[in-house]
PDB file of all heavy atoms in Angstrom:
ATOM      1  N   ARG A   1       0.813  -1.215   0.004  1.00  0.00           N
ATOM      2  CA  ARG A   1      -0.014   0.005   0.019  1.00  0.00           C
ATOM      3  C   ARG A   1       0.853   1.239   0.017  1.00  0.00           C
ATOM      4  O   ARG A   1       0.569   2.226  -0.677  1.00  0.00           O
ATOM      5  CB  ARG A   1      -0.927  -0.035   1.192  1.00  0.00           C
ATOM      6  CG  ARG A   1      -2.007  -1.110   1.172  1.00  0.00           C
ATOM      7  CD  ARG A   1      -3.167  -0.858   2.087  1.00  0.00           C
ATOM      8  NE  ARG A   1      -2.766  -0.728   3.467  1.00  0.00           N
ATOM      9  CZ  ARG A   1      -2.841  -1.679   4.353  1.00  0.00           C
ATOM     10  NH1 ARG A   1      -3.282  -2.950   4.014  1.00  0.00           N
ATOM     11  NH2 ARG A   1      -2.467  -1.521   5.609  1.00  0.00           N
ATOM     12  N   GLY A   2       1.968   1.259   0.756  1.00  0.00           N
ATOM     13  CA  GLY A   2       2.864   2.374   0.804  1.00  0.00           C
ATOM     14  C   GLY A   2       3.512   2.621  -0.527  1.00  0.00           C
ATOM     15  O   GLY A   2       3.613   3.768  -0.981  1.00  0.00           O
ATOM     16  N   ARG A   3       3.895   1.618  -1.182  1.00  0.00           N
ATOM     17  CA  ARG A   3       4.543   1.694  -2.487  1.00  0.00           C
ATOM     18  C   ARG A   3       3.609   2.256  -3.549  1.00  0.00           C
ATOM     19  O   ARG A   3       3.923   3.136  -4.332  1.00  0.00           O
ATOM     20  CB  ARG A   3       5.123   0.379  -2.961  1.00  0.00           C
ATOM     21  CG  ARG A   3       5.921   0.378  -4.304  1.00  0.00           C
ATOM     22  CD  ARG A   3       6.647  -0.886  -4.543  1.00  0.00           C
ATOM     23  NE  ARG A   3       5.774  -2.047  -4.718  1.00  0.00           N
ATOM     24  CZ  ARG A   3       5.617  -3.029  -3.836  1.00  0.00           C
ATOM     25  NH1 ARG A   3       6.318  -3.039  -2.708  1.00  0.00           N
ATOM     26  NH2 ARG A   3       4.814  -4.019  -4.116  1.00  0.00           N
ATOM     27  N   VAL A   4       2.379   1.723  -3.549  1.00  0.00           N
ATOM     28  CA  VAL A   4       1.338   2.232  -4.437  1.00  0.00           C
ATOM     29  C   VAL A   4       1.015   3.674  -4.169  1.00  0.00           C
ATOM     30  O   VAL A   4       0.876   4.515  -5.105  1.00  0.00           O
ATOM     31  CB  VAL A   4       0.066   1.338  -4.359  1.00  0.00           C
ATOM     32  CG1 VAL A   4      -1.113   1.985  -5.103  1.00  0.00           C
ATOM     33  CG2 VAL A   4       0.368  -0.070  -4.911  1.00  0.00           C
ATOM     34  N   LYS A   5       0.918   4.020  -2.920  1.00  0.00           N
ATOM     35  CA  LYS A   5       0.535   5.363  -2.559  1.00  0.00           C
ATOM     36  C   LYS A   5       1.634   6.336  -3.057  1.00  0.00           C
ATOM     37  O   LYS A   5       1.321   7.484  -3.508  1.00  0.00           O
ATOM     38  CB  LYS A   5       0.367   5.493  -1.031  1.00  0.00           C
ATOM     39  CG  LYS A   5      -0.285   6.785  -0.597  1.00  0.00           C
ATOM     40  CD  LYS A   5      -0.709   6.706   0.862  1.00  0.00           C
ATOM     41  CE  LYS A   5      -1.556   7.956   1.291  1.00  0.00           C
ATOM     42  NZ  LYS A   5      -2.062   7.794   2.636  1.00  0.00           N
ATOM     43  N   ALA A   6       2.897   5.942  -2.941  1.00  0.00           N
ATOM     44  CA  ALA A   6       3.970   6.832  -3.409  1.00  0.00           C
ATOM     45  C   ALA A   6       3.871   6.978  -4.954  1.00  0.00           C
ATOM     46  O   ALA A   6       4.094   8.142  -5.470  1.00  0.00           O
ATOM     47  CB  ALA A   6       5.300   6.182  -3.074  1.00  0.00           C
ATOM     48  N   GLY A   7       3.559   5.928  -5.648  1.00  0.00           N
ATOM     49  CA  GLY A   7       3.393   6.032  -7.108  1.00  0.00           C
ATOM     50  C   GLY A   7       2.234   6.937  -7.481  1.00  0.00           C
ATOM     51  O   GLY A   7       2.306   7.743  -8.442  1.00  0.00           O
ATOM     52  N   ILE A   8       1.130   6.840  -6.740  1.00  0.00           N
ATOM     53  CA  ILE A   8      -0.083   7.692  -6.953  1.00  0.00           C
ATOM     54  C   ILE A   8       0.274   9.127  -6.689  1.00  0.00           C
ATOM     55  O   ILE A   8      -0.089  10.020  -7.496  1.00  0.00           O
ATOM     56  CB  ILE A   8      -1.207   7.205  -6.075  1.00  0.00           C
ATOM     57  CG1 ILE A   8      -1.753   5.878  -6.590  1.00  0.00           C
ATOM     58  CG2 ILE A   8      -2.338   8.249  -6.084  1.00  0.00           C
ATOM     59  CD1 ILE A   8      -2.739   5.236  -5.673  1.00  0.00           C
ATOM     60  N   LYS A   9       1.012   9.399  -5.650  1.00  0.00           N
ATOM     61  CA  LYS A   9       1.384  10.803  -5.330  1.00  0.00           C
ATOM     62  C   LYS A   9       2.213  11.420  -6.448  1.00  0.00           C
ATOM     63  O   LYS A   9       2.097  12.587  -6.766  1.00  0.00           O
ATOM     64  CB  LYS A   9       2.123  10.864  -3.976  1.00  0.00           C
ATOM     65  CG  LYS A   9       2.380  12.258  -3.464  1.00  0.00           C
ATOM     66  CD  LYS A   9       2.955  12.248  -2.075  1.00  0.00           C
ATOM     67  CE  LYS A   9       3.159  13.629  -1.582  1.00  0.00           C
ATOM     68  NZ  LYS A   9       3.739  13.667  -0.191  1.00  0.00           N
ATOM     69  N   LYS A  10       3.086  10.623  -7.006  1.00  0.00           N
ATOM     70  CA  LYS A  10       3.917  11.101  -8.133  1.00  0.00           C
ATOM     71  C   LYS A  10       3.065  11.385  -9.364  1.00  0.00           C
ATOM     72  O   LYS A  10       3.226  12.429 -10.026  1.00  0.00           O
ATOM     73  CB  LYS A  10       5.003  10.026  -8.458  1.00  0.00           C
ATOM     74  CG  LYS A  10       5.951  10.504  -9.572  1.00  0.00           C
ATOM     75  CD  LYS A  10       6.986   9.443  -9.820  1.00  0.00           C
ATOM     76  CE  LYS A  10       7.947   9.850 -10.942  1.00  0.00           C
ATOM     77  NZ  LYS A  10       8.953   8.795 -11.233  1.00  0.00           N
ATOM     78  N   MET A  11       2.110  10.521  -9.656  1.00  0.00           N
ATOM     79  CA  MET A  11       1.234  10.705 -10.805  1.00  0.00           C
ATOM     80  C   MET A  11       0.328  11.916 -10.607  1.00  0.00           C
ATOM     81  O   MET A  11       0.215  12.770 -11.503  1.00  0.00           O
ATOM     82  CB  MET A  11       0.332   9.473 -11.036  1.00  0.00           C
ATOM     83  CG  MET A  11      -0.683   9.713 -12.207  1.00  0.00           C
ATOM     84  SD  MET A  11      -1.943   8.434 -12.306  1.00  0.00           S
ATOM     85  CE  MET A  11      -1.042   7.176 -13.193  1.00  0.00           C
ATOM     86  N   THR A  12      -0.300  12.073  -9.437  1.00  0.00           N
ATOM     87  CA  THR A  12      -1.225  13.131  -9.222  1.00  0.00           C
ATOM     88  C   THR A  12      -0.560  14.493  -9.207  1.00  0.00           C
ATOM     89  O   THR A  12      -1.196  15.497  -9.531  1.00  0.00           O
ATOM     90  CB  THR A  12      -2.018  12.961  -7.886  1.00  0.00           C
ATOM     91  OG1 THR A  12      -1.056  12.830  -6.814  1.00  0.00           O
ATOM     92  CG2 THR A  12      -2.905  11.728  -7.916  1.00  0.00           C
ATOM     93  N   ALA A  13       0.727  14.516  -8.902  1.00  0.00           N
ATOM     94  CA  ALA A  13       1.462  15.781  -8.993  1.00  0.00           C
ATOM     95  C   ALA A  13       1.565  16.319 -10.385  1.00  0.00           C
ATOM     96  O   ALA A  13       1.691  17.509 -10.605  1.00  0.00           O
ATOM     97  CB  ALA A  13       2.889  15.593  -8.362  1.00  0.00           C
ATOM     98  N   GLU A  14       1.425  15.382 -11.338  1.00  0.00           N
ATOM     99  CA  GLU A  14       1.471  15.785 -12.753  1.00  0.00           C
ATOM    100  C   GLU A  14       0.077  16.261 -13.254  1.00  0.00           C
ATOM    101  O   GLU A  14       0.010  16.860 -14.332  1.00  0.00           O
ATOM    102  CB  GLU A  14       1.941  14.594 -13.601  1.00  0.00           C
ATOM    103  CG  GLU A  14       3.300  14.101 -13.294  1.00  0.00           C
ATOM    104  CD  GLU A  14       3.682  12.824 -14.056  1.00  0.00           C
ATOM    105  OE1 GLU A  14       2.935  12.473 -15.025  1.00  0.00           O
ATOM    106  OE2 GLU A  14       4.704  12.176 -13.743  1.00  0.00           O
ATOM    107  N   PHE A  15      -0.921  15.981 -12.461  1.00  0.00           N
ATOM    108  CA  PHE A  15      -2.308  16.381 -12.843  1.00  0.00           C
ATOM    109  C   PHE A  15      -2.935  17.058 -11.653  1.00  0.00           C
ATOM    110  O   PHE A  15      -3.962  16.540 -11.095  1.00  0.00           O
ATOM    111  CB  PHE A  15      -3.122  15.106 -13.224  1.00  0.00           C
ATOM    112  CG  PHE A  15      -2.578  14.374 -14.441  1.00  0.00           C
ATOM    113  CD1 PHE A  15      -1.681  13.324 -14.255  1.00  0.00           C
ATOM    114  CD2 PHE A  15      -2.947  14.732 -15.678  1.00  0.00           C
ATOM    115  CE1 PHE A  15      -1.217  12.603 -15.339  1.00  0.00           C
ATOM    116  CE2 PHE A  15      -2.470  14.025 -16.825  1.00  0.00           C
ATOM    117  CZ  PHE A  15      -1.579  12.955 -16.606  1.00  0.00           C
ATOM    118  N   PRO A  16      -2.491  18.275 -11.274  1.00  0.00           N
ATOM    119  CA  PRO A  16      -3.055  18.942 -10.106  1.00  0.00           C
ATOM    120  C   PRO A  16      -4.491  19.407 -10.361  1.00  0.00           C
ATOM    121  O   PRO A  16      -4.866  19.691 -11.502  1.00  0.00           O
ATOM    122  CB  PRO A  16      -2.104  20.134  -9.929  1.00  0.00           C
ATOM    123  CG  PRO A  16      -1.530  20.396 -11.289  1.00  0.00           C
ATOM    124  CD  PRO A  16      -1.393  19.041 -11.916  1.00  0.00           C
ATOM    125  N   ILE A  17      -5.266  19.506  -9.265  1.00  0.00           N
ATOM    126  CA  ILE A  17      -6.645  19.983  -9.379  1.00  0.00           C
ATOM    127  C   ILE A  17      -6.686  21.474  -9.102  1.00  0.00           C
ATOM    128  O   ILE A  17      -7.092  22.290  -9.963  1.00  0.00           O
ATOM    129  CB  ILE A  17      -7.558  19.249  -8.325  1.00  0.00           C
ATOM    130  CG1 ILE A  17      -7.235  17.747  -8.324  1.00  0.00           C
ATOM    131  CG2 ILE A  17      -9.001  19.506  -8.743  1.00  0.00           C
ATOM    132  CD1 ILE A  17      -7.768  17.074  -7.055  1.00  0.00           C
ATOM    133  N   TYR A  18      -6.252  21.854  -7.880  1.00  0.00           N
ATOM    134  CA  TYR A  18      -6.245  23.207  -7.464  1.00  0.00           C
ATOM    135  C   TYR A  18      -4.849  23.567  -6.951  1.00  0.00           C
ATOM    136  O   TYR A  18      -4.609  23.717  -5.750  1.00  0.00           O
ATOM    137  CB  TYR A  18      -7.278  23.474  -6.343  1.00  0.00           C
ATOM    138  CG  TYR A  18      -8.648  22.901  -6.572  1.00  0.00           C
ATOM    139  CD1 TYR A  18      -9.180  21.872  -5.811  1.00  0.00           C
ATOM    140  CD2 TYR A  18      -9.459  23.433  -7.605  1.00  0.00           C
ATOM    141  CE1 TYR A  18     -10.472  21.397  -6.072  1.00  0.00           C
ATOM    142  CE2 TYR A  18     -10.760  22.975  -7.836  1.00  0.00           C
ATOM    143  CZ  TYR A  18     -11.232  21.875  -7.047  1.00  0.00           C
ATOM    144  OH  TYR A  18     -12.462  21.420  -7.263  1.00  0.00           O
ATOM    145  N   PRO A  19      -3.892  23.748  -7.864  1.00  0.00           N
ATOM    146  CA  PRO A  19      -2.491  23.844  -7.431  1.00  0.00           C
ATOM    147  C   PRO A  19      -2.170  25.057  -6.539  1.00  0.00           C
ATOM    148  O   PRO A  19      -1.246  24.984  -5.750  1.00  0.00           O
ATOM    149  CB  PRO A  19      -1.742  23.896  -8.736  1.00  0.00           C
ATOM    150  CG  PRO A  19      -2.752  24.339  -9.733  1.00  0.00           C
ATOM    151  CD  PRO A  19      -4.010  23.741  -9.298  1.00  0.00           C
ATOM    152  N   ASN A  20      -2.929  26.134  -6.694  1.00  0.00           N
ATOM    153  CA  ASN A  20      -2.563  27.350  -5.913  1.00  0.00           C
ATOM    154  C   ASN A  20      -3.613  27.650  -4.858  1.00  0.00           C
ATOM    155  O   ASN A  20      -3.632  28.762  -4.321  1.00  0.00           O
ATOM    156  CB  ASN A  20      -2.445  28.536  -6.904  1.00  0.00           C
ATOM    157  CG  ASN A  20      -1.381  28.323  -7.889  1.00  0.00           C
ATOM    158  OD1 ASN A  20      -0.245  27.914  -7.556  1.00  0.00           O
ATOM    159  ND2 ASN A  20      -1.681  28.561  -9.175  1.00  0.00           N
ATOM    160  N   LEU A  21      -4.482  26.691  -4.555  1.00  0.00           N
ATOM    161  CA  LEU A  21      -5.536  27.006  -3.585  1.00  0.00           C
ATOM    162  C   LEU A  21      -5.005  27.168  -2.208  1.00  0.00           C
ATOM    163  O   LEU A  21      -5.508  28.057  -1.418  1.00  0.00           O
ATOM    164  CB  LEU A  21      -6.542  25.811  -3.602  1.00  0.00           C
ATOM    165  CG  LEU A  21      -7.835  26.016  -2.794  1.00  0.00           C
ATOM    166  CD1 LEU A  21      -8.618  27.224  -3.366  1.00  0.00           C
ATOM    167  CD2 LEU A  21      -8.704  24.778  -2.815  1.00  0.00           C
ATOM    168  N   ILE A  22      -3.944  26.467  -1.836  1.00  0.00           N
ATOM    169  CA  ILE A  22      -3.349  26.573  -0.484  1.00  0.00           C
ATOM    170  C   ILE A  22      -1.873  26.742  -0.655  1.00  0.00           C
ATOM    171  O   ILE A  22      -1.248  25.963  -1.384  1.00  0.00           O
ATOM    172  CB  ILE A  22      -3.688  25.387   0.367  1.00  0.00           C
ATOM    173  CG1 ILE A  22      -5.166  25.294   0.693  1.00  0.00           C
ATOM    174  CG2 ILE A  22      -2.885  25.389   1.713  1.00  0.00           C
ATOM    175  CD1 ILE A  22      -5.562  24.088   1.495  1.00  0.00           C
ATOM    176  N   LYS A  23      -1.319  27.720   0.039  1.00  0.00           N
ATOM    177  CA  LYS A  23       0.090  27.885   0.123  1.00  0.00           C
ATOM    178  C   LYS A  23       0.505  27.822   1.567  1.00  0.00           C
ATOM    179  O   LYS A  23       0.159  28.701   2.359  1.00  0.00           O
ATOM    180  CB  LYS A  23       0.595  29.246  -0.481  1.00  0.00           C
ATOM    181  CG  LYS A  23       0.263  29.342  -1.994  1.00  0.00           C
ATOM    182  CD  LYS A  23       0.820  30.637  -2.549  1.00  0.00           C
ATOM    183  CE  LYS A  23       0.506  30.835  -4.039  1.00  0.00           C
ATOM    184  NZ  LYS A  23       1.085  29.752  -4.891  1.00  0.00           N
ATOM    185  N   GLU A  24       1.195  26.691   1.898  1.00  0.00           N
ATOM    186  CA  GLU A  24       1.491  26.506   3.300  1.00  0.00           C
ATOM    187  C   GLU A  24       2.934  27.068   3.693  1.00  0.00           C
ATOM    188  O   GLU A  24       3.776  27.179   2.801  1.00  0.00           O
ATOM    189  CB  GLU A  24       1.459  25.015   3.616  1.00  0.00           C
ATOM    190  CG  GLU A  24       0.131  24.443   3.384  1.00  0.00           C
ATOM    191  CD  GLU A  24       0.039  22.957   3.655  1.00  0.00           C
ATOM    192  OE1 GLU A  24       0.566  22.194   2.832  1.00  0.00           O
ATOM    193  OE2 GLU A  24      -0.532  22.530   4.678  1.00  0.00           O
TER     194      GLU A  24
END
């Protein structure tokens, strides 16, 4: 699950939804 989650995080970074909605 951890390995898959890391792969998903990498993919979703290429397809952002609201990239500037929050600046932490």
